[in-house]
Protein backbone atom coordinates (compact mmCIF):
# COMPACT_ATOMS: atom_id res chain seq x y z
CA MET A 1 -10.44 -1.39 -24.40
CA THR A 2 -7.09 -3.16 -24.25
CA ARG A 3 -4.70 -2.92 -21.31
CA THR A 4 -2.18 -1.12 -23.56
CA SER A 5 -4.71 1.54 -24.60
CA ARG A 6 -5.79 1.99 -20.97
CA GLY A 7 -2.14 2.50 -20.01
CA LYS A 8 -1.67 5.14 -22.71
CA GLY A 9 -4.88 6.80 -21.61
CA ARG A 10 -3.65 7.03 -18.02
CA ILE A 11 -0.38 8.61 -19.17
CA VAL A 12 -2.24 11.24 -21.19
CA LEU A 13 -4.65 11.89 -18.32
CA ASP A 14 -1.79 12.28 -15.86
CA ARG A 15 -0.05 14.77 -18.17
CA VAL A 16 -3.21 16.81 -18.57
CA ALA A 17 -3.82 16.78 -14.81
CA SER A 18 -0.21 17.83 -14.17
CA ALA A 19 -0.52 20.66 -16.70
CA LEU A 20 -3.52 21.96 -14.76
CA TRP A 21 -1.10 22.84 -11.95
CA TYR A 22 0.29 25.72 -14.02
CA VAL A 23 -3.15 27.25 -14.64
CA PRO A 24 -4.14 30.11 -12.27
CA GLY A 25 -6.70 28.92 -9.74
CA SER A 26 -5.73 25.27 -10.19
CA PHE A 27 -7.25 24.12 -6.88
CA ALA A 28 -10.55 25.83 -7.69
CA LEU A 29 -10.57 24.16 -11.10
CA ALA A 30 -9.90 20.78 -9.48
CA ARG A 31 -12.90 21.30 -7.18
CA LEU A 32 -15.12 21.73 -10.23
CA LEU A 33 -14.37 18.12 -11.08
CA GLY A 34 -16.03 17.01 -7.86
CA PRO A 35 -16.86 15.04 -5.88
CA ARG A 36 -16.53 16.37 -2.31
CA TYR A 37 -13.02 15.58 -1.11
CA PRO A 38 -13.07 15.91 2.70
CA LEU A 39 -9.69 14.31 3.42
CA ARG A 40 -6.58 13.58 1.38
CA CYS A 41 -4.66 10.52 2.58
CA VAL A 42 -1.23 9.89 1.09
CA LEU A 43 0.94 6.79 1.30
CA PHE A 44 4.70 6.34 1.28
CA HIS A 45 6.77 3.16 1.64
CA ASP A 46 10.56 3.08 1.36
CA ILE A 47 12.70 6.23 1.35
CA ALA A 48 16.00 5.54 -0.38
CA ASP A 49 18.20 7.23 -2.94
CA ARG A 50 18.35 4.07 -5.02
CA GLU A 51 16.45 0.81 -5.27
CA SER A 52 18.16 -2.42 -4.22
CA ALA A 53 17.76 -5.95 -5.52
CA PHE A 54 15.15 -6.36 -2.77
CA THR A 55 12.97 -3.44 -3.91
CA ASN A 56 13.64 -3.06 -7.63
CA GLY A 57 10.37 -3.92 -9.34
CA LEU A 58 8.01 -2.99 -6.51
CA GLY A 59 7.65 0.69 -7.40
CA VAL A 60 7.57 1.71 -3.73
CA THR A 61 10.80 3.70 -3.40
CA ILE A 62 11.00 7.49 -3.22
CA THR A 63 14.33 9.32 -2.95
CA ARG A 64 15.13 11.37 0.13
CA ARG A 65 15.13 14.57 -1.88
CA ALA A 66 11.77 13.76 -3.46
CA PHE A 67 10.30 12.78 -0.09
CA GLU A 68 11.30 16.10 1.45
CA ALA A 69 9.95 17.93 -1.59
CA ALA A 70 6.66 16.07 -1.18
CA LEU A 71 6.45 17.11 2.48
CA LYS A 72 7.12 20.72 1.49
CA PHE A 73 4.32 20.55 -1.05
CA LEU A 74 1.88 18.99 1.41
CA THR A 75 2.62 21.52 4.16
CA ARG A 76 2.47 24.45 1.75
CA TYR A 77 -0.87 23.63 0.16
CA TYR A 78 -2.58 21.40 2.75
CA THR A 79 -3.04 21.12 6.50
CA PRO A 80 -1.44 17.97 7.96
CA VAL A 81 -3.65 16.18 10.49
CA SER A 82 -3.14 13.26 12.84
CA LEU A 83 -5.11 10.04 13.08
CA GLN A 84 -6.71 11.41 16.25
CA ASP A 85 -7.86 14.48 14.31
CA VAL A 86 -9.41 12.19 11.69
CA ILE A 87 -11.16 10.02 14.27
CA ALA A 88 -12.53 13.09 16.05
CA GLY A 89 -13.85 14.52 12.78
CA THR A 90 -15.01 11.42 10.93
CA ASP A 91 -17.54 13.29 8.79
CA GLY A 92 -14.83 15.62 7.52
CA ARG A 93 -16.54 18.69 8.96
CA GLY A 94 -14.43 18.91 12.09
CA LEU A 95 -11.18 18.99 10.12
CA PRO A 96 -9.26 22.09 8.99
CA ALA A 97 -9.27 23.36 5.43
CA ARG A 98 -7.75 20.98 2.89
CA PRO A 99 -6.61 18.35 5.45
CA VAL A 100 -4.05 15.67 4.58
CA LEU A 101 -3.05 12.54 6.51
CA VAL A 102 0.38 11.05 5.85
CA THR A 103 0.88 7.29 6.17
CA PHE A 104 3.65 4.73 5.64
CA ASP A 105 3.29 1.00 4.92
CA ASP A 106 5.48 -2.09 5.17
CA ALA A 107 7.81 -1.51 8.14
CA TYR A 108 10.73 -0.10 6.14
CA ALA A 109 13.66 0.98 8.32
CA SER A 110 14.05 4.15 6.25
CA VAL A 111 10.97 5.56 8.00
CA GLY A 112 12.77 5.38 11.34
CA GLU A 113 16.14 6.36 9.93
CA PHE A 114 15.03 9.34 7.86
CA GLY A 115 11.30 9.77 7.34
CA ALA A 116 10.21 10.26 10.96
CA ALA A 117 12.66 13.07 11.72
CA LEU A 118 11.81 14.88 8.51
CA CYS A 119 8.07 14.61 9.19
CA PHE A 120 8.66 16.03 12.65
CA GLN A 121 10.77 18.85 11.20
CA TYR A 122 7.90 19.91 8.95
CA GLY A 123 5.24 19.40 11.61
CA VAL A 124 3.64 16.41 9.90
CA PRO A 125 2.07 13.71 12.11
CA ALA A 126 1.85 10.29 10.48
CA VAL A 127 0.70 6.69 10.83
CA PHE A 128 3.20 3.88 10.24
CA PHE A 129 1.72 0.46 9.40
CA VAL A 130 3.98 -2.39 10.45
CA ASN A 131 4.24 -6.15 9.88
CA GLY A 132 5.51 -7.84 13.03
CA ALA A 133 7.15 -10.73 11.18
CA CYS A 134 9.66 -8.34 9.61
CA LEU A 135 10.72 -6.49 12.78
CA ASP A 136 14.45 -6.59 13.55
CA ASN A 137 14.99 -8.10 10.09
CA ARG A 138 14.10 -11.57 11.28
CA GLN A 139 12.79 -12.33 7.82
CA LEU A 140 12.18 -10.61 4.52
CA ALA A 141 8.69 -9.65 3.44
CA LEU A 142 7.64 -12.09 0.72
CA ASP A 143 7.48 -9.25 -1.82
CA ASN A 144 11.11 -8.33 -1.16
CA LEU A 145 12.20 -11.96 -1.38
CA ILE A 146 10.43 -12.32 -4.74
CA CYS A 147 12.16 -9.20 -6.06
CA TYR A 148 15.54 -10.44 -4.89
CA VAL A 149 15.16 -13.83 -6.58
CA ALA A 150 13.87 -12.20 -9.79
CA ASN A 151 16.70 -9.67 -9.89
CA ILE A 152 19.47 -12.10 -8.96
CA ARG A 153 18.29 -15.44 -10.39
CA GLY A 154 15.76 -14.32 -13.01
CA LEU A 155 11.98 -14.50 -13.31
CA GLY A 156 12.24 -18.15 -14.32
CA ALA A 157 13.46 -18.99 -10.82
CA VAL A 158 10.40 -17.27 -9.36
CA LYS A 159 8.07 -19.27 -11.60
CA SER A 160 9.87 -22.52 -10.72
CA ALA A 161 9.39 -21.72 -7.04
CA ALA A 162 5.70 -21.04 -7.63
CA ILE A 163 5.29 -24.36 -9.47
CA ALA A 164 7.05 -26.18 -6.63
CA ALA A 165 4.76 -24.49 -4.10
CA VAL A 166 1.44 -25.36 -5.74
CA GLY A 167 2.32 -28.46 -7.75
CA ARG A 168 0.98 -27.06 -11.02
CA ASP A 169 2.41 -25.23 -14.01
CA ASP A 170 -0.74 -24.27 -15.94
CA PHE A 171 -0.50 -20.54 -15.32
CA GLU A 172 1.09 -17.55 -16.99
CA LEU A 173 3.88 -15.68 -15.24
CA CYS A 174 5.77 -13.33 -17.55
CA SER A 175 6.51 -10.32 -15.34
CA LEU A 176 6.87 -9.23 -11.73
CA LYS A 177 3.58 -7.34 -12.09
CA GLN A 178 1.85 -10.65 -12.82
CA VAL A 179 3.47 -12.20 -9.75
CA PHE A 180 2.06 -9.47 -7.51
CA SER A 181 -1.25 -8.88 -9.23
CA ARG A 182 -2.25 -12.39 -10.33
CA LEU A 183 -0.27 -15.01 -8.46
CA LEU A 184 -0.03 -13.85 -4.84
CA PRO A 185 -3.68 -12.75 -4.34
CA THR A 186 -4.90 -16.28 -5.05
CA MET A 187 -2.47 -18.14 -2.79
CA SER A 188 -3.43 -19.39 0.66
CA LEU A 189 -1.17 -18.85 3.67
CA SER A 190 0.12 -22.41 3.39
CA ALA A 191 0.86 -21.98 -0.32
CA LYS A 192 2.72 -18.74 0.40
CA ALA A 193 4.77 -20.49 3.07
CA ALA A 194 5.73 -23.16 0.54
CA PHE A 195 6.48 -20.44 -2.03
CA ARG A 196 8.76 -18.70 0.49
CA ARG A 197 10.67 -21.92 1.16
CA ALA A 198 11.14 -22.55 -2.56
CA LEU A 199 12.29 -18.98 -3.18
CA THR A 200 14.74 -19.17 -0.30
CA ALA A 201 16.13 -22.42 -1.67
CA ALA A 202 16.68 -20.66 -5.01
CA THR A 203 18.91 -18.07 -3.30
CA LYS A 204 21.09 -20.79 -1.76
CA ARG A 205 21.22 -18.60 1.32
CA ASP A 206 19.80 -18.75 4.82
CA GLU A 207 16.82 -16.37 4.88
CA ARG A 208 17.77 -14.86 8.25
CA ASP A 209 21.22 -14.02 6.93
CA LEU A 210 19.68 -12.58 3.77
CA ALA A 211 17.24 -10.44 5.77
CA ALA A 212 19.99 -9.18 8.05
CA GLU A 213 22.17 -8.33 5.05
CA ALA A 214 19.33 -6.41 3.40
CA GLY A 215 18.53 -4.45 6.57
CA LEU A 216 15.23 -3.34 5.03
CA HIS A 217 12.98 -3.36 8.06
CA ILE A 218 12.68 -1.34 11.23
CA SER A 219 14.00 -2.52 14.60
CA THR A 220 11.97 -2.70 17.79
CA GLN A 221 14.17 0.04 19.25
CA GLN A 222 13.44 2.35 16.32
CA LEU A 223 9.76 1.52 16.54
CA CYS A 224 9.67 2.54 20.20
CA SER A 225 11.21 5.92 19.38
CA LEU A 226 8.63 6.89 16.73
CA LYS A 227 6.17 8.20 19.30
CA THR A 228 8.52 11.11 20.01
CA PHE A 229 8.16 12.12 16.33
CA ASN A 230 4.33 12.12 16.56
CA ILE A 231 4.05 8.94 14.52
CA GLU A 232 1.37 6.44 15.48
CA ILE A 233 1.77 2.71 14.85
CA GLY A 234 -0.86 0.79 12.89
CA ASN A 235 -1.59 -2.84 12.03
CA HIS A 236 -0.62 -4.19 8.59
CA THR A 237 -1.07 -7.93 9.30
CA TYR A 238 1.71 -10.06 10.74
CA SER A 239 3.17 -11.32 7.44
CA HIS A 240 1.85 -8.81 4.85
CA THR A 241 -0.62 -11.14 3.20
CA HIS A 242 -3.65 -10.73 0.97
CA CYS A 243 -6.57 -10.75 3.37
CA ARG A 244 -9.01 -12.21 0.86
CA SER A 245 -7.26 -15.56 1.36
CA LEU A 246 -7.65 -15.52 5.16
CA SER A 247 -10.13 -17.76 6.92
CA LEU A 248 -11.87 -16.68 10.11
CA GLY A 249 -9.32 -18.78 11.98
CA ASP A 250 -6.43 -16.95 10.30
CA PHE A 251 -7.49 -13.59 11.74
CA ALA A 252 -6.05 -14.49 15.15
CA HIS A 253 -2.59 -15.09 13.68
CA GLU A 254 -2.44 -12.31 11.11
CA VAL A 255 -4.48 -9.54 12.71
CA ASP A 256 -4.79 -10.09 16.47
CA ARG A 257 -1.25 -11.37 16.96
CA ASN A 258 0.25 -8.45 15.07
CA LYS A 259 -1.83 -5.94 17.02
CA ALA A 260 -0.70 -7.45 20.33
CA ILE A 261 2.98 -7.44 19.30
CA LEU A 262 2.90 -3.82 18.18
CA GLU A 263 1.05 -2.66 21.30
CA THR A 264 3.55 -4.43 23.53
CA ILE A 265 6.52 -2.85 21.74
CA SER A 266 5.12 0.65 21.33
CA GLY A 267 3.28 0.86 24.64
CA SER A 268 0.34 2.43 22.82
CA ARG A 269 -3.00 1.18 21.58
CA VAL A 270 -3.10 0.16 17.93
CA ARG A 271 -6.35 1.52 16.52
CA SER A 272 -5.91 1.46 12.76
CA PHE A 273 -5.42 -1.18 10.08
CA SER A 274 -3.96 -0.87 6.58
CA VAL A 275 -5.04 -3.56 4.13
CA PRO A 276 -1.89 -5.03 2.54
CA TYR A 277 -1.76 -4.18 -1.17
CA GLY A 278 -4.57 -1.67 -0.61
CA SER A 279 -7.33 -3.42 -2.55
CA SER A 280 -10.97 -3.37 -1.46
CA ALA A 281 -11.12 -6.97 -2.71
CA ASP A 282 -9.17 -7.89 0.42
CA LEU A 283 -11.50 -6.04 2.78
CA THR A 284 -14.07 -8.78 3.14
CA ALA A 285 -17.19 -8.35 5.25
CA GLU A 286 -15.82 -10.87 7.75
CA LEU A 287 -12.54 -8.99 8.08
CA THR A 288 -14.29 -5.64 8.45
CA THR A 289 -16.44 -7.01 11.26
CA HIS A 290 -13.44 -8.57 12.97
CA LEU A 291 -11.40 -5.36 12.76
CA HIS A 292 -14.17 -3.31 14.34
CA GLN A 293 -14.65 -5.90 17.07
CA THR A 294 -10.95 -5.88 17.94
CA GLY A 295 -10.55 -2.13 18.38
CA HIS A 296 -9.46 -1.02 14.92
CA GLU A 297 -11.28 2.28 14.54
CA VAL A 298 -10.03 3.19 11.06
CA ILE A 299 -9.28 0.95 8.06
CA PHE A 300 -7.10 2.13 5.16
CA LEU A 301 -7.13 1.12 1.51
CA ALA A 302 -4.97 2.43 -1.36
CA GLU A 303 -7.18 2.73 -4.40
CA SER A 304 -6.54 6.44 -4.99
CA SER A 305 -10.10 7.71 -4.99
CA ALA A 306 -11.41 11.01 -3.63
CA GLY A 307 -14.25 9.55 -1.60
CA SER A 308 -11.97 9.24 1.40
CA PHE A 309 -14.75 8.77 3.94
CA ARG A 310 -16.69 6.42 1.64
CA SER A 311 -20.09 5.25 2.84
CA CYS A 312 -18.51 4.19 6.11
CA ALA A 313 -16.54 6.83 7.98
CA SER A 314 -14.10 4.22 9.31
CA ILE A 315 -12.81 3.21 5.86
CA LEU A 316 -10.38 5.66 4.27
CA ASP A 317 -8.72 5.64 0.87
CA ARG A 318 -5.15 6.69 0.09
CA THR A 319 -3.01 7.75 -2.84
CA SER A 320 0.47 6.25 -3.18
CA ILE A 321 3.22 8.85 -3.69
CA ASN A 322 6.64 8.30 -5.27
CA THR A 323 7.41 11.77 -6.64
CA GLY A 324 8.43 15.16 -5.28
CA ALA A 325 7.50 17.31 -8.29
CA ASP A 326 4.75 19.85 -7.53
CA ALA A 327 2.80 19.31 -10.76
CA ALA A 328 2.90 15.52 -10.41
CA LEU A 329 1.87 15.74 -6.75
CA PHE A 330 -1.04 18.02 -7.63
CA SER A 331 -2.13 15.48 -10.24
CA LYS A 332 -1.82 12.49 -7.89
CA VAL A 333 -3.31 14.09 -4.77
CA GLU A 334 -5.88 16.55 -6.08
CA VAL A 335 -7.02 15.67 -9.60
CA LEU A 336 -6.71 11.98 -10.47
CA PRO A 337 -8.48 10.73 -7.30
CA ARG A 338 -11.49 12.88 -8.20
CA LEU A 339 -11.53 11.53 -11.75
CA ARG A 340 -11.22 7.93 -10.52
CA THR A 341 -14.18 8.46 -8.22
CA ILE A 342 -16.26 9.86 -11.07
CA ARG A 343 -15.24 6.92 -13.26
CA LYS A 344 -16.26 4.43 -10.60
CA GLY A 345 -19.54 6.26 -10.09
CA LEU A 346 -20.31 5.89 -13.79
CA GLY A 347 -19.73 2.16 -13.56
CA PHE A 348 -16.37 2.06 -15.33
CA VAL A 349 -14.74 -0.17 -12.76
CA SER A 350 -12.61 -3.18 -13.46
CA GLY A 351 -13.76 -6.63 -12.57
CA GLY A 352 -17.32 -6.00 -13.72
CA GLY A 353 -17.15 -7.76 -17.05
CA ARG A 354 -15.89 -4.83 -19.14
CA HIS A 355 -12.31 -6.06 -19.36
CA GLU A 356 -10.80 -8.77 -21.43
CA LYS A 357 -10.64 -12.31 -20.10
CA LYS A 358 -7.76 -12.87 -17.69
CA SER A 359 -5.16 -15.58 -18.17
CA LYS A 360 -5.51 -18.65 -15.99
CA VAL A 361 -3.86 -18.13 -12.61
CA ILE A 362 -3.29 -20.15 -9.49
CA SER A 363 -6.51 -20.36 -7.49
CA GLU A 364 -6.54 -22.22 -4.20
CA CYS A 365 -9.27 -20.17 -2.54
CA PRO A 366 -12.27 -18.11 -3.62
CA VAL A 367 -11.22 -14.74 -5.00
CA SER A 368 -13.36 -11.61 -5.01
CA GLU A 369 -14.63 -10.54 -8.41
CA ARG A 370 -12.46 -7.43 -8.21
CA THR A 371 -8.93 -8.79 -8.31
CA PHE A 372 -5.78 -6.86 -7.58
CA SER A 373 -4.81 -7.13 -11.24
CA ASP A 374 -7.85 -4.96 -11.86
CA GLU A 375 -6.55 -2.48 -9.31
CA VAL A 376 -3.31 -2.29 -11.25
CA ALA A 377 -5.28 -1.54 -14.39
CA ASP A 378 -7.03 1.36 -12.66
CA SER A 379 -4.04 2.82 -10.87
CA ASP A 380 -0.71 4.39 -11.61
CA GLU A 381 1.44 1.85 -9.84
CA VAL A 382 1.40 -1.35 -7.89
CA HIS A 383 0.62 -0.65 -4.24
CA ILE A 384 2.57 -2.90 -1.91
């Protein structure tokens, strides 16, 4: 099956799932699809009425109106729970009927400026996963810098920066999706640092000035105030990197350092970790062991499946949300995750030899068989 036909199939499936919302007894019908769905976990990123040059192309922005509509939907048809509730009821049996956990990734300032107060207004506890390198807008996340260069200078400038970073040009790079799904997952930390320098040079701006101008990320003062809105802080690595490329020695810098920074600022223990980009390919056995040893009680992915508690109660899956329409939310939260889980159970998962051969990409470190480009093929959007 070609990528184009899979894309059309997902569109049709989403429309059918959305149409199910208008059928009487829609939740009961969704349950017939199975499997058991003990906990819904949803993921938001940036809340803004329009995308900027720094976010256009990421697919992570939801408007304020749509975000509030999504909260109304979740509180009307589900029971919001906190991370503590989830930890206390890890088998799903100690949780209320139809529980949902709300999360945010990537340290966007809009969570502190708008999202937190609205969650509190609707009685929704949440977990906010933060990258320490971006606090106080000291620097841009690499994803946002890539988007800015692509939107201002063109995709050619991004490819030139990539070539300068790795010293090769024998790879395909024809879209932002390929940058995020094929290029970045295979780059080491040192290669990403070189890529960042080359991208910054392409802007002809000082990166600190650019980050301050963008104002994308939350301040330490805002972060400290989130506790009053019943929002817990979680670890999202220091620099928002693909964890599959991390060595055992890198864990201290990316995981432990970030945890310590966030605990110092928030005054609370950080006990959860969100895998950047959400792919299980980045949750290596070594990382899982390290996270458990360093006090991370729950680990979050974003592969949009219904088996939220998986085989290990400490690993939870999430569905990324960028809509406020009831039918679309029902499809994304209730129906499609069940279908994805069934599909995976039948063996129709990407990365297992059933897909066409991938184009040659930059590879400086071993990459798991299931690449993030495969996750894009299985999902509705790119999870950042």
